Amino acid sequence: MKKESNHAFSIELRSKEFLRNVMISNSAEERVFVEGFLGELKEVNLVEGAMLELKGSNGVLRIDLKEEEFAKLFQPISTWKRIECKADAQEKSSRG
């Protein structure tokens, strides 16, 4: 894995009680899944123009993301793609 072509991340939680699920697959795909609770969002920072940091009451999520990439990805909300879950789509179709 080339470091320069990937975005590193770290998750730091105050307690393991805020970790909901960690799954490491035994399949050939070698997938890993981590899920937890950051709690109430307290701060969002762009550290030294190179790291997005989300601080919650239960922990911190850090993502290696340059300021230019951040600006490109986080355009006004009106331009975001909305990803709907299946239940939302079914509810809309049953109403219409």
PDB file of N, CA and C in Angstrom:
ATOM      1  N   MET A   1       0.842  -1.176   0.000  1.00  0.00           N
ATOM      2  CA  MET A   1       0.000   0.000   0.000  1.00  0.00           C
ATOM      3  C   MET A   1       0.888   1.240   0.000  1.00  0.00           C
ATOM      4  N   LYS A   2       0.660   2.133  -0.942  1.00  0.00           N
ATOM      5  CA  LYS A   2       1.450   3.353  -1.035  1.00  0.00           C
ATOM      6  C   LYS A   2       0.830   4.436  -0.163  1.00  0.00           C
ATOM      7  N   LYS A   3       1.614   4.978   0.753  1.00  0.00           N
ATOM      8  CA  LYS A   3       1.116   6.001   1.668  1.00  0.00           C
ATOM      9  C   LYS A   3       0.608   7.234   0.931  1.00  0.00           C
ATOM     10  N   GLU A   4       1.333   7.679  -0.091  1.00  0.00           N
ATOM     11  CA  GLU A   4       0.963   8.906  -0.781  1.00  0.00           C
ATOM     12  C   GLU A   4      -0.346   8.789  -1.560  1.00  0.00           C
ATOM     13  N   SER A   5      -0.788   7.580  -1.868  1.00  0.00           N
ATOM     14  CA  SER A   5      -2.016   7.420  -2.641  1.00  0.00           C
ATOM     15  C   SER A   5      -3.223   7.113  -1.756  1.00  0.00           C
ATOM     16  N   ASN A   6      -3.045   7.114  -0.461  1.00  0.00           N
ATOM     17  CA  ASN A   6      -4.128   6.794   0.458  1.00  0.00           C
ATOM     18  C   ASN A   6      -4.244   7.849   1.546  1.00  0.00           C
ATOM     19  N   HIS A   7      -5.403   7.926   2.139  1.00  0.00           N
ATOM     20  CA  HIS A   7      -5.638   8.854   3.235  1.00  0.00           C
ATOM     21  C   HIS A   7      -5.650   8.075   4.545  1.00  0.00           C
ATOM     22  N   ALA A   8      -4.682   8.351   5.390  1.00  0.00           N
ATOM     23  CA  ALA A   8      -4.604   7.684   6.691  1.00  0.00           C
ATOM     24  C   ALA A   8      -5.715   8.204   7.596  1.00  0.00           C
ATOM     25  N   PHE A   9      -6.084   7.390   8.579  1.00  0.00           N
ATOM     26  CA  PHE A   9      -7.073   7.840   9.554  1.00  0.00           C
ATOM     27  C   PHE A   9      -6.764   7.203  10.902  1.00  0.00           C
ATOM     28  N   SER A  10      -7.288   7.821  11.945  1.00  0.00           N
ATOM     29  CA  SER A  10      -7.182   7.225  13.281  1.00  0.00           C
ATOM     30  C   SER A  10      -8.471   7.519  14.036  1.00  0.00           C
ATOM     31  N   ILE A  11      -8.792   6.603  14.930  1.00  0.00           N
ATOM     32  CA  ILE A  11      -9.965   6.756  15.782  1.00  0.00           C
ATOM     33  C   ILE A  11      -9.483   6.552  17.213  1.00  0.00           C
ATOM     34  N   GLU A  12      -9.775   7.517  18.046  1.00  0.00           N
ATOM     35  CA  GLU A  12      -9.394   7.440  19.453  1.00  0.00           C
ATOM     36  C   GLU A  12     -10.661   7.629  20.277  1.00  0.00           C
ATOM     37  N   LEU A  13     -11.020   6.603  21.052  1.00  0.00           N
ATOM     38  CA  LEU A  13     -12.226   6.671  21.879  1.00  0.00           C
ATOM     39  C   LEU A  13     -11.845   6.681  23.352  1.00  0.00           C
ATOM     40  N   ARG A  14     -12.634   7.399  24.161  1.00  0.00           N
ATOM     41  CA  ARG A  14     -12.343   7.493  25.594  1.00  0.00           C
ATOM     42  C   ARG A  14     -12.514   6.154  26.307  1.00  0.00           C
ATOM     43  N   SER A  15     -13.352   5.287  25.774  1.00  0.00           N
ATOM     44  CA  SER A  15     -13.625   3.999  26.412  1.00  0.00           C
ATOM     45  C   SER A  15     -14.083   2.988  25.374  1.00  0.00           C
ATOM     46  N   LYS A  16     -13.853   1.713  25.637  1.00  0.00           N
ATOM     47  CA  LYS A  16     -14.312   0.688  24.694  1.00  0.00           C
ATOM     48  C   LYS A  16     -15.827   0.587  24.664  1.00  0.00           C
ATOM     49  N   GLU A  17     -16.526   1.168  25.639  1.00  0.00           N
ATOM     50  CA  GLU A  17     -17.991   1.147  25.614  1.00  0.00           C
ATOM     51  C   GLU A  17     -18.553   1.945  24.437  1.00  0.00           C
ATOM     52  N   PHE A  18     -17.753   2.838  23.851  1.00  0.00           N
ATOM     53  CA  PHE A  18     -18.194   3.630  22.709  1.00  0.00           C
ATOM     54  C   PHE A  18     -17.876   2.943  21.378  1.00  0.00           C
ATOM     55  N   LEU A  19     -17.294   1.778  21.428  1.00  0.00           N
ATOM     56  CA  LEU A  19     -17.009   0.979  20.245  1.00  0.00           C
ATOM     57  C   LEU A  19     -18.163   0.003  20.070  1.00  0.00           C
ATOM     58  N   ARG A  20     -18.861   0.116  18.964  1.00  0.00           N
ATOM     59  CA  ARG A  20     -20.038  -0.717  18.742  1.00  0.00           C
ATOM     60  C   ARG A  20     -19.684  -2.041  18.083  1.00  0.00           C
ATOM     61  N   ASN A  21     -18.795  -1.983  17.077  1.00  0.00           N
ATOM     62  CA  ASN A  21     -18.537  -3.176  16.291  1.00  0.00           C
ATOM     63  C   ASN A  21     -17.158  -3.074  15.637  1.00  0.00           C
ATOM     64  N   VAL A  22     -16.400  -4.154  15.703  1.00  0.00           N
ATOM     65  CA  VAL A  22     -15.150  -4.284  14.950  1.00  0.00           C
ATOM     66  C   VAL A  22     -15.217  -5.641  14.283  1.00  0.00           C
ATOM     67  N   MET A  23     -15.065  -5.646  12.973  1.00  0.00           N
ATOM     68  CA  MET A  23     -15.183  -6.900  12.235  1.00  0.00           C
ATOM     69  C   MET A  23     -14.006  -7.020  11.271  1.00  0.00           C
ATOM     70  N   ILE A  24     -13.323  -8.133  11.354  1.00  0.00           N
ATOM     71  CA  ILE A  24     -12.229  -8.430  10.431  1.00  0.00           C
ATOM     72  C   ILE A  24     -12.593  -9.723   9.729  1.00  0.00           C
ATOM     73  N   SER A  25     -12.724  -9.638   8.425  1.00  0.00           N
ATOM     74  CA  SER A  25     -13.204 -10.758   7.626  1.00  0.00           C
ATOM     75  C   SER A  25     -12.126 -11.826   7.450  1.00  0.00           C
ATOM     76  N   ASN A  26     -12.559 -13.072   7.395  1.00  0.00           N
ATOM     77  CA  ASN A  26     -11.664 -14.185   7.083  1.00  0.00           C
ATOM     78  C   ASN A  26     -11.677 -14.514   5.593  1.00  0.00           C
ATOM     79  N   SER A  27     -12.491 -13.771   4.835  1.00  0.00           N
ATOM     80  CA  SER A  27     -12.611 -14.058   3.401  1.00  0.00           C
ATOM     81  C   SER A  27     -11.427 -13.497   2.631  1.00  0.00           C
ATOM     82  N   ALA A  28     -11.390 -13.837   1.368  1.00  0.00           N
ATOM     83  CA  ALA A  28     -10.306 -13.376   0.489  1.00  0.00           C
ATOM     84  C   ALA A  28     -10.325 -11.858   0.310  1.00  0.00           C
ATOM     85  N   GLU A  29     -11.483 -11.233   0.517  1.00  0.00           N
ATOM     86  CA  GLU A  29     -11.596  -9.779   0.362  1.00  0.00           C
ATOM     87  C   GLU A  29     -10.874  -9.020   1.463  1.00  0.00           C
ATOM     88  N   GLU A  30     -10.662  -9.644   2.601  1.00  0.00           N
ATOM     89  CA  GLU A  30      -9.942  -9.071   3.739  1.00  0.00           C
ATOM     90  C   GLU A  30     -10.516  -7.730   4.182  1.00  0.00           C
ATOM     91  N   ARG A  31     -11.815  -7.621   4.252  1.00  0.00           N
ATOM     92  CA  ARG A  31     -12.461  -6.377   4.673  1.00  0.00           C
ATOM     93  C   ARG A  31     -12.375  -6.192   6.179  1.00  0.00           C
ATOM     94  N   VAL A  32     -12.367  -4.926   6.576  1.00  0.00           N
ATOM     95  CA  VAL A  32     -12.358  -4.549   7.987  1.00  0.00           C
ATOM     96  C   VAL A  32     -13.455  -3.508   8.179  1.00  0.00           C
ATOM     97  N   PHE A  33     -14.205  -3.627   9.261  1.00  0.00           N
ATOM     98  CA  PHE A  33     -15.287  -2.699   9.554  1.00  0.00           C
ATOM     99  C   PHE A  33     -15.155  -2.245  10.999  1.00  0.00           C
ATOM    100  N   VAL A  34     -15.178  -0.921  11.224  1.00  0.00           N
ATOM    101  CA  VAL A  34     -15.091  -0.355  12.568  1.00  0.00           C
ATOM    102  C   VAL A  34     -16.264   0.607  12.725  1.00  0.00           C
ATOM    103  N   GLU A  35     -17.014   0.469  13.813  1.00  0.00           N
ATOM    104  CA  GLU A  35     -18.181   1.308  14.048  1.00  0.00           C
ATOM    105  C   GLU A  35     -18.226   1.686  15.515  1.00  0.00           C
ATOM    106  N   GLY A  36     -18.543   2.934  15.785  1.00  0.00           N
ATOM    107  CA  GLY A  36     -18.615   3.375  17.166  1.00  0.00           C
ATOM    108  C   GLY A  36     -19.373   4.682  17.281  1.00  0.00           C
ATOM    109  N   PHE A  37     -19.204   5.329  18.434  1.00  0.00           N
ATOM    110  CA  PHE A  37     -19.940   6.541  18.732  1.00  0.00           C
ATOM    111  C   PHE A  37     -18.985   7.648  19.163  1.00  0.00           C
ATOM    112  N   LEU A  38     -18.875   8.702  18.349  1.00  0.00           N
ATOM    113  CA  LEU A  38     -18.067   9.860  18.740  1.00  0.00           C
ATOM    114  C   LEU A  38     -18.803  10.715  19.768  1.00  0.00           C
ATOM    115  N   GLY A  39     -20.093  10.529  19.881  1.00  0.00           N
ATOM    116  CA  GLY A  39     -20.881  11.324  20.814  1.00  0.00           C
ATOM    117  C   GLY A  39     -21.240  12.669  20.210  1.00  0.00           C
ATOM    118  N   GLU A  40     -21.616  13.613  21.068  1.00  0.00           N
ATOM    119  CA  GLU A  40     -21.979  14.949  20.603  1.00  0.00           C
ATOM    120  C   GLU A  40     -20.772  15.610  19.976  1.00  0.00           C
ATOM    121  N   LEU A  41     -20.946  16.126  18.759  1.00  0.00           N
ATOM    122  CA  LEU A  41     -19.851  16.775  18.050  1.00  0.00           C
ATOM    123  C   LEU A  41     -19.520  18.091  18.738  1.00  0.00           C
ATOM    124  N   LYS A  42     -18.258  18.229  19.145  1.00  0.00           N
ATOM    125  CA  LYS A  42     -17.792  19.410  19.873  1.00  0.00           C
ATOM    126  C   LYS A  42     -17.006  20.364  18.983  1.00  0.00           C
ATOM    127  N   GLU A  43     -16.162  19.809  18.108  1.00  0.00           N
ATOM    128  CA  GLU A  43     -15.297  20.634  17.251  1.00  0.00           C
ATOM    129  C   GLU A  43     -15.019  19.915  15.939  1.00  0.00           C
ATOM    130  N   VAL A  44     -14.835  20.702  14.903  1.00  0.00           N
ATOM    131  CA  VAL A  44     -14.333  20.208  13.627  1.00  0.00           C
ATOM    132  C   VAL A  44     -13.171  21.124  13.270  1.00  0.00           C
ATOM    133  N   ASN A  45     -11.989  20.556  13.086  1.00  0.00           N
ATOM    134  CA  ASN A  45     -10.798  21.348  12.801  1.00  0.00           C
ATOM    135  C   ASN A  45     -10.090  20.824  11.564  1.00  0.00           C
ATOM    136  N   LEU A  46      -9.420  21.729  10.869  1.00  0.00           N
ATOM    137  CA  LEU A  46      -8.511  21.357   9.802  1.00  0.00           C
ATOM    138  C   LEU A  46      -7.124  21.696  10.330  1.00  0.00           C
ATOM    139  N   VAL A  47      -6.407  20.688  10.817  1.00  0.00           N
ATOM    140  CA  VAL A  47      -5.134  20.867  11.509  1.00  0.00           C
ATOM    141  C   VAL A  47      -4.004  21.048  10.501  1.00  0.00           C
ATOM    142  N   GLU A  48      -3.330  22.180  10.596  1.00  0.00           N
ATOM    143  CA  GLU A  48      -2.186  22.516   9.744  1.00  0.00           C
ATOM    144  C   GLU A  48      -2.473  22.311   8.259  1.00  0.00           C
ATOM    145  N   GLY A  49      -3.739  22.474   7.873  1.00  0.00           N
ATOM    146  CA  GLY A  49      -4.125  22.357   6.475  1.00  0.00           C
ATOM    147  C   GLY A  49      -3.964  20.967   5.891  1.00  0.00           C
ATOM    148  N   ALA A  50      -3.783  19.953   6.770  1.00  0.00           N
ATOM    149  CA  ALA A  50      -3.496  18.617   6.257  1.00  0.00           C
ATOM    150  C   ALA A  50      -4.276  17.497   6.941  1.00  0.00           C
ATOM    151  N   MET A  51      -5.047  17.811   7.985  1.00  0.00           N
ATOM    152  CA  MET A  51      -5.759  16.750   8.692  1.00  0.00           C
ATOM    153  C   MET A  51      -7.113  17.254   9.183  1.00  0.00           C
ATOM    154  N   LEU A  52      -8.177  16.553   8.783  1.00  0.00           N
ATOM    155  CA  LEU A  52      -9.514  16.849   9.266  1.00  0.00           C
ATOM    156  C   LEU A  52      -9.685  16.139  10.602  1.00  0.00           C
ATOM    157  N   GLU A  53     -10.099  16.867  11.605  1.00  0.00           N
ATOM    158  CA  GLU A  53     -10.237  16.301  12.951  1.00  0.00           C
ATOM    159  C   GLU A  53     -11.652  16.573  13.455  1.00  0.00           C
ATOM    160  N   LEU A  54     -12.376  15.502  13.753  1.00  0.00           N
ATOM    161  CA  LEU A  54     -13.725  15.605  14.306  1.00  0.00           C
ATOM    162  C   LEU A  54     -13.651  15.198  15.770  1.00  0.00           C
ATOM    163  N   LYS A  55     -13.934  16.147  16.667  1.00  0.00           N
ATOM    164  CA  LYS A  55     -13.877  15.869  18.103  1.00  0.00           C
ATOM    165  C   LYS A  55     -15.289  15.755  18.642  1.00  0.00           C
ATOM    166  N   GLY A  56     -15.552  14.610  19.255  1.00  0.00           N
ATOM    167  CA  GLY A  56     -16.840  14.393  19.888  1.00  0.00           C
ATOM    168  C   GLY A  56     -16.665  14.200  21.382  1.00  0.00           C
ATOM    169  N   SER A  57     -17.760  14.105  22.094  1.00  0.00           N
ATOM    170  CA  SER A  57     -17.687  13.925  23.542  1.00  0.00           C
ATOM    171  C   SER A  57     -17.091  12.566  23.922  1.00  0.00           C
ATOM    172  N   ASN A  58     -17.123  11.587  23.000  1.00  0.00           N
ATOM    173  CA  ASN A  58     -16.600  10.250  23.292  1.00  0.00           C
ATOM    174  C   ASN A  58     -15.244   9.957  22.662  1.00  0.00           C
ATOM    175  N   GLY A  59     -14.781  10.820  21.751  1.00  0.00           N
ATOM    176  CA  GLY A  59     -13.506  10.537  21.108  1.00  0.00           C
ATOM    177  C   GLY A  59     -13.216  11.446  19.932  1.00  0.00           C
ATOM    178  N   VAL A  60     -12.185  11.077  19.177  1.00  0.00           N
ATOM    179  CA  VAL A  60     -11.703  11.901  18.065  1.00  0.00           C
ATOM    180  C   VAL A  60     -11.483  11.014  16.834  1.00  0.00           C
ATOM    181  N   LEU A  61     -11.929  11.504  15.681  1.00  0.00           N
ATOM    182  CA  LEU A  61     -11.672  10.862  14.394  1.00  0.00           C
ATOM    183  C   LEU A  61     -10.782  11.809  13.605  1.00  0.00           C
ATOM    184  N   ARG A  62      -9.644  11.308  13.143  1.00  0.00           N
ATOM    185  CA  ARG A  62      -8.721  12.123  12.349  1.00  0.00           C
ATOM    186  C   ARG A  62      -8.546  11.476  10.973  1.00  0.00           C
ATOM    187  N   ILE A  63      -8.590  12.323   9.935  1.00  0.00           N
ATOM    188  CA  ILE A  63      -8.438  11.852   8.556  1.00  0.00           C
ATOM    189  C   ILE A  63      -7.422  12.743   7.856  1.00  0.00           C
ATOM    190  N   ASP A  64      -6.456  12.103   7.235  1.00  0.00           N
ATOM    191  CA  ASP A  64      -5.434  12.796   6.461  1.00  0.00           C
ATOM    192  C   ASP A  64      -6.104  13.413   5.235  1.00  0.00           C
ATOM    193  N   LEU A  65      -6.361  14.712   5.253  1.00  0.00           N
ATOM    194  CA  LEU A  65      -7.087  15.363   4.176  1.00  0.00           C
ATOM    195  C   LEU A  65      -6.568  16.789   4.035  1.00  0.00           C
ATOM    196  N   LYS A  66      -5.970  17.085   2.886  1.00  0.00           N
ATOM    197  CA  LYS A  66      -5.416  18.423   2.652  1.00  0.00           C
ATOM    198  C   LYS A  66      -6.527  19.437   2.454  1.00  0.00           C
ATOM    199  N   GLU A  67      -6.213  20.679   2.738  1.00  0.00           N
ATOM    200  CA  GLU A  67      -7.192  21.758   2.642  1.00  0.00           C
ATOM    201  C   GLU A  67      -7.821  21.839   1.253  1.00  0.00           C
ATOM    202  N   GLU A  68      -7.004  21.656   0.203  1.00  0.00           N
ATOM    203  CA  GLU A  68      -7.522  21.703  -1.169  1.00  0.00           C
ATOM    204  C   GLU A  68      -8.522  20.579  -1.420  1.00  0.00           C
ATOM    205  N   GLU A  69      -8.214  19.378  -0.921  1.00  0.00           N
ATOM    206  CA  GLU A  69      -9.125  18.240  -1.080  1.00  0.00           C
ATOM    207  C   GLU A  69     -10.414  18.489  -0.314  1.00  0.00           C
ATOM    208  N   PHE A  70     -10.275  19.046   0.880  1.00  0.00           N
ATOM    209  CA  PHE A  70     -11.434  19.363   1.710  1.00  0.00           C
ATOM    210  C   PHE A  70     -12.359  20.331   0.972  1.00  0.00           C
ATOM    211  N   ALA A  71     -11.804  21.394   0.423  1.00  0.00           N
ATOM    212  CA  ALA A  71     -12.594  22.398  -0.294  1.00  0.00           C
ATOM    213  C   ALA A  71     -13.297  21.788  -1.505  1.00  0.00           C
ATOM    214  N   LYS A  72     -12.597  20.906  -2.207  1.00  0.00           N
ATOM    215  CA  LYS A  72     -13.169  20.261  -3.399  1.00  0.00           C
ATOM    216  C   LYS A  72     -14.319  19.326  -3.024  1.00  0.00           C
ATOM    217  N   LEU A  73     -14.135  18.558  -1.946  1.00  0.00           N
ATOM    218  CA  LEU A  73     -15.138  17.576  -1.541  1.00  0.00           C
ATOM    219  C   LEU A  73     -16.339  18.194  -0.837  1.00  0.00           C
ATOM    220  N   PHE A  74     -16.103  19.214  -0.033  1.00  0.00           N
ATOM    221  CA  PHE A  74     -17.162  19.787   0.776  1.00  0.00           C
ATOM    222  C   PHE A  74     -17.681  21.079   0.162  1.00  0.00           C
ATOM    223  N   GLN A  75     -18.365  20.907  -0.952  1.00  0.00           N
ATOM    224  CA  GLN A  75     -19.014  22.012  -1.637  1.00  0.00           C
ATOM    225  C   GLN A  75     -20.311  22.327  -0.887  1.00  0.00           C
ATOM    226  N   PRO A  76     -21.006  23.380  -1.279  1.00  0.00           N
ATOM    227  CA  PRO A  76     -22.283  23.672  -0.613  1.00  0.00           C
ATOM    228  C   PRO A  76     -23.207  22.458  -0.601  1.00  0.00           C
ATOM    229  N   ILE A  77     -23.987  22.318   0.436  1.00  0.00           N
ATOM    230  CA  ILE A  77     -24.858  21.160   0.627  1.00  0.00           C
ATOM    231  C   ILE A  77     -25.773  20.944  -0.581  1.00  0.00           C
ATOM    232  N   SER A  78     -26.171  21.988  -1.255  1.00  0.00           N
ATOM    233  CA  SER A  78     -27.071  21.848  -2.406  1.00  0.00           C
ATOM    234  C   SER A  78     -26.459  20.996  -3.518  1.00  0.00           C
ATOM    235  N   THR A  79     -25.128  20.844  -3.542  1.00  0.00           N
ATOM    236  CA  THR A  79     -24.482  20.047  -4.583  1.00  0.00           C
ATOM    237  C   THR A  79     -24.196  18.614  -4.126  1.00  0.00           C
ATOM    238  N   TRP A  80     -24.458  18.294  -2.868  1.00  0.00           N
ATOM    239  CA  TRP A  80     -24.175  16.950  -2.341  1.00  0.00           C
ATOM    240  C   TRP A  80     -25.129  15.936  -2.938  1.00  0.00           C
ATOM    241  N   LYS A  81     -24.636  14.721  -3.106  1.00  0.00           N
ATOM    242  CA  LYS A  81     -25.496  13.609  -3.505  1.00  0.00           C
ATOM    243  C   LYS A  81     -26.213  13.126  -2.250  1.00  0.00           C
ATOM    244  N   ARG A  82     -27.489  12.898  -2.349  1.00  0.00           N
ATOM    245  CA  ARG A  82     -28.220  12.359  -1.216  1.00  0.00           C
ATOM    246  C   ARG A  82     -28.273  10.844  -1.374  1.00  0.00           C
ATOM    247  N   ILE A  83     -27.843  10.154  -0.360  1.00  0.00           N
ATOM    248  CA  ILE A  83     -27.867   8.700  -0.379  1.00  0.00           C
ATOM    249  C   ILE A  83     -29.011   8.261   0.519  1.00  0.00           C
ATOM    250  N   GLU A  84     -30.000   7.631  -0.068  1.00  0.00           N
ATOM    251  CA  GLU A  84     -31.174   7.214   0.681  1.00  0.00           C
ATOM    252  C   GLU A  84     -31.093   5.741   1.010  1.00  0.00           C
ATOM    253  N   CYS A  85     -31.563   5.406   2.188  1.00  0.00           N
ATOM    254  CA  CYS A  85     -31.624   3.985   2.533  1.00  0.00           C
ATOM    255  C   CYS A  85     -32.848   3.381   1.848  1.00  0.00           C
ATOM    256  N   LYS A  86     -32.901   2.072   1.769  1.00  0.00           N
ATOM    257  CA  LYS A  86     -33.985   1.369   1.094  1.00  0.00           C
ATOM    258  C   LYS A  86     -35.345   1.723   1.695  1.00  0.00           C
ATOM    259  N   ALA A  87     -35.411   1.838   3.019  1.00  0.00           N
ATOM    260  CA  ALA A  87     -36.672   2.141   3.694  1.00  0.00           C
ATOM    261  C   ALA A  87     -37.196   3.507   3.269  1.00  0.00           C
ATOM    262  N   ASP A  88     -36.316   4.504   3.135  1.00  0.00           N
ATOM    263  CA  ASP A  88     -36.728   5.834   2.683  1.00  0.00           C
ATOM    264  C   ASP A  88     -37.308   5.770   1.284  1.00  0.00           C
ATOM    265  N   ALA A  89     -36.655   5.050   0.388  1.00  0.00           N
ATOM    266  CA  ALA A  89     -37.107   4.929  -0.991  1.00  0.00           C
ATOM    267  C   ALA A  89     -38.448   4.217  -1.062  1.00  0.00           C
ATOM    268  N   GLN A  90     -38.621   3.161  -0.275  1.00  0.00           N
ATOM    269  CA  GLN A  90     -39.886   2.431  -0.267  1.00  0.00           C
ATOM    270  C   GLN A  90     -41.021   3.295   0.279  1.00  0.00           C
ATOM    271  N   GLU A  91     -40.718   4.082   1.314  1.00  0.00           N
ATOM    272  CA  GLU A  91     -41.743   4.949   1.907  1.00  0.00           C
ATOM    273  C   GLU A  91     -42.195   5.991   0.872  1.00  0.00           C
ATOM    274  N   LYS A  92     -41.246   6.561   0.139  1.00  0.00           N
ATOM    275  CA  LYS A  92     -41.591   7.553  -0.881  1.00  0.00           C
ATOM    276  C   LYS A  92     -42.434   6.940  -1.984  1.00  0.00           C
ATOM    277  N   SER A  93     -42.088   5.720  -2.427  1.00  0.00           N
ATOM    278  CA  SER A  93     -42.843   5.093  -3.519  1.00  0.00           C
ATOM    279  C   SER A  93     -44.257   4.698  -3.071  1.00  0.00           C
ATOM    280  N   SER A  94     -44.431   4.361  -1.803  1.00  0.00           N
ATOM    281  CA  SER A  94     -45.761   3.988  -1.324  1.00  0.00           C
ATOM    282  C   SER A  94     -46.663   5.211  -1.167  1.00  0.00           C
ATOM    283  N   ARG A  95     -46.051   6.396  -0.979  1.00  0.00           N
ATOM    284  CA  ARG A  95     -46.833   7.639  -0.878  1.00  0.00           C
ATOM    285  C   ARG A  95     -47.214   8.179  -2.252  1.00  0.00           C
ATOM    286  N   GLY A  96     -46.353   7.955  -3.226  1.00  0.00           N
ATOM    287  CA  GLY A  96     -46.547   8.589  -4.525  1.00  0.00           C
ATOM    288  C   GLY A  96     -47.163   7.726  -5.505  1.00  0.00           C
TER     289      GLY A  96
END
